[in-house]
Protein backbone atom coordinates (compact mmCIF):
# COMPACT_ATOMS: atom_id res chain seq x y z
CA UNK A 1 106.45 -55.92 347.67
CA UNK A 2 108.68 -55.62 344.61
CA UNK A 3 110.90 -52.62 343.98
CA UNK A 4 108.64 -51.48 341.15
CA UNK A 5 105.59 -51.44 343.44
CA UNK A 6 107.49 -49.37 346.02
CA UNK A 7 107.72 -46.57 343.44
CA UNK A 8 103.94 -46.50 343.12
CA UNK A 9 103.38 -45.86 346.82
CA UNK A 10 99.91 -46.35 348.19
CA UNK A 11 98.35 -46.82 344.74
CA UNK A 12 100.03 -50.22 344.45
CA UNK A 13 98.49 -51.32 347.75
CA UNK A 14 94.95 -50.38 346.80
CA UNK A 15 92.74 -53.15 345.45
CA UNK A 16 90.82 -51.80 342.44
CA UNK A 17 87.04 -52.20 342.59
CA UNK A 18 85.26 -54.17 339.89
CA UNK A 19 83.76 -52.10 337.10
CA UNK A 20 81.06 -53.44 334.80
CA UNK A 21 82.02 -52.83 331.17
CA UNK A 22 78.44 -53.32 329.96
CA UNK A 23 77.02 -50.90 332.54
CA UNK A 24 79.70 -48.29 331.72
CA UNK A 25 78.93 -48.76 328.00
CA UNK A 26 75.20 -48.16 328.60
CA UNK A 27 75.87 -45.10 330.72
CA UNK A 28 78.29 -43.75 328.12
CA UNK A 29 75.72 -44.24 325.36
CA UNK A 30 73.40 -42.04 327.41
CA UNK A 31 76.29 -39.52 327.71
CA UNK A 32 76.29 -39.92 331.48
CA UNK A 33 79.14 -40.49 333.93
CA UNK A 34 80.35 -44.11 333.69
CA UNK A 35 80.75 -44.26 337.47
CA UNK A 36 77.40 -43.00 338.78
CA UNK A 37 75.24 -42.74 335.66
CA UNK A 38 73.88 -39.37 336.80
CA UNK A 39 76.34 -36.59 335.91
CA UNK A 40 76.97 -35.46 332.35
CA UNK A 41 80.14 -36.73 330.67
CA UNK A 42 80.42 -33.81 328.20
CA UNK A 43 80.40 -30.08 328.92
CA UNK A 44 80.14 -29.19 325.22
CA UNK A 45 79.44 -31.18 322.06
CA UNK A 46 82.18 -33.79 322.63
CA UNK A 47 84.42 -32.00 325.17
CA UNK A 48 84.84 -34.24 328.22
CA UNK A 49 84.16 -32.73 331.65
CA UNK A 50 87.10 -32.61 334.04
CA UNK A 51 85.04 -34.50 336.60
CA UNK A 52 81.51 -35.66 337.19
CA UNK A 53 79.39 -32.96 338.84
CA UNK A 54 77.48 -35.61 340.81
CA UNK A 55 80.07 -38.14 342.08
CA UNK A 56 83.28 -36.17 341.36
CA UNK A 57 84.84 -39.04 339.40
CA UNK A 58 87.78 -37.70 337.40
CA UNK A 59 87.04 -37.97 333.66
CA UNK A 60 89.54 -35.65 331.97
CA UNK A 61 92.31 -38.26 331.92
CA UNK A 62 90.35 -40.67 329.68
CA UNK A 63 91.57 -40.28 326.10
CA UNK A 64 89.39 -41.77 323.37
CA UNK A 65 91.46 -40.21 320.55
CA UNK A 66 90.44 -41.59 317.12
CA UNK A 67 88.28 -44.55 318.14
CA UNK A 68 84.89 -42.71 318.19
CA UNK A 69 85.27 -41.22 314.67
CA UNK A 70 86.25 -44.62 313.25
CA UNK A 71 83.21 -46.31 314.81
CA UNK A 72 80.98 -43.41 313.74
CA UNK A 73 82.21 -43.61 310.14
CA UNK A 74 81.51 -47.34 310.14
CA UNK A 75 77.96 -46.91 311.47
CA UNK A 76 77.11 -43.99 309.17
CA UNK A 77 78.61 -45.81 306.19
CA UNK A 78 76.43 -48.84 306.88
CA UNK A 79 73.38 -46.58 306.87
CA UNK A 80 74.17 -44.25 303.96
CA UNK A 81 75.73 -46.60 301.39
CA UNK A 82 72.77 -49.03 301.29
CA UNK A 83 70.47 -45.99 301.10
CA UNK A 84 72.35 -44.62 298.11
CA UNK A 85 72.36 -47.98 296.33
CA UNK A 86 68.72 -48.71 297.08
CA UNK A 87 67.60 -45.25 295.97
CA UNK A 88 69.54 -45.58 292.73
CA UNK A 89 68.11 -49.03 292.01
CA UNK A 90 64.49 -48.16 292.83
CA UNK A 91 64.13 -44.57 291.64
CA UNK A 92 67.18 -43.66 289.49
CA UNK A 93 67.09 -39.97 290.46
CA UNK A 94 69.32 -37.46 288.66
CA UNK A 95 72.90 -37.12 289.90
CA UNK A 96 72.18 -33.66 291.31
CA UNK A 97 69.55 -35.19 293.60
CA UNK A 98 72.15 -37.58 294.99
CA UNK A 99 74.62 -34.71 295.42
CA UNK A 100 72.00 -32.65 297.25
CA UNK A 101 70.76 -35.36 299.62
CA UNK A 102 73.55 -37.77 300.58
CA UNK A 103 76.36 -35.45 301.74
CA UNK A 104 73.91 -33.53 303.94
CA UNK A 105 72.45 -36.73 305.36
CA UNK A 106 75.94 -38.15 305.95
CA UNK A 107 77.06 -35.03 307.80
CA UNK A 108 73.87 -34.87 309.88
CA UNK A 109 74.10 -38.54 310.87
CA UNK A 110 77.79 -38.19 311.73
CA UNK A 111 77.20 -35.16 313.93
CA UNK A 112 74.22 -36.82 315.61
CA UNK A 113 75.88 -40.19 316.30
CA UNK A 114 79.40 -39.07 317.31
CA UNK A 115 78.60 -37.91 320.90
CA UNK A 116 76.83 -41.18 321.70
CA UNK A 117 79.67 -43.28 320.29
CA UNK A 118 82.30 -41.20 322.10
CA UNK A 119 80.37 -41.53 325.36
CA UNK A 120 80.21 -45.31 324.93
CA UNK A 121 83.94 -45.52 324.15
CA UNK A 122 84.79 -43.35 327.17
CA UNK A 123 82.62 -45.58 329.36
CA UNK A 124 84.37 -48.74 328.19
CA UNK A 125 87.81 -47.16 328.56
CA UNK A 126 86.91 -46.04 332.09
CA UNK A 127 85.64 -49.53 333.03
CA UNK A 128 88.78 -51.20 331.68
CA UNK A 129 91.04 -48.56 333.27
CA UNK A 130 92.59 -47.82 329.89
CA UNK A 131 93.62 -44.20 330.29
CA UNK A 132 96.76 -42.13 330.33
CA UNK A 133 97.53 -40.42 333.58
CA UNK A 134 101.18 -40.17 334.46
CA UNK A 135 100.46 -38.68 337.88
CA UNK A 136 98.36 -41.61 339.02
CA UNK A 137 100.28 -44.32 337.15
CA UNK A 138 103.95 -43.35 336.88
CA UNK A 139 106.09 -45.35 334.49
CA UNK A 140 108.59 -47.81 335.93
CA UNK A 141 111.38 -46.55 333.68
CA UNK A 142 112.50 -42.99 334.41
C-alpha cells in the first residue's frame, strides 16, 4: 500500500460498491433517496436531509451548488421563450398582457421544476461519488 493510502486508513482498503447513475437519477427526479429510493431527499423545499430516514445513507455532504439553477433556467427558458414568440406571432396581445403573464409563468415554472432538477443532480452526484467531505476523504497534502 502506498504512503498516501496509509493516511486514509480503512477507507482506502474498502472496495466501493457499484452505483447505477441512471437509477440514482430516476430516484432523485422523484425526490427520493438515491440509495434506497424510499426516504425523502429534502426536508424542506430544496434543503437536503442530513440522512435518509429509511436507509440512513448520509446525504448532507452532497453539494449541488449552482448546477440545479442552471439546468432549471435552461429548461424553463426552452418552455417560456417559444411560448412568448408563438403568442406574439399568433395573437399579438398588448405589451401589458405579456408583462402580466410571462414573468408569473416563468417564476411558477422555476419554482415547480427546481426541486426535481436538484434531486436528479444530487442523485447523479451521489452515484458518481462527487461530493465534498473532508472527514471521509482527507486530502493528501496537509
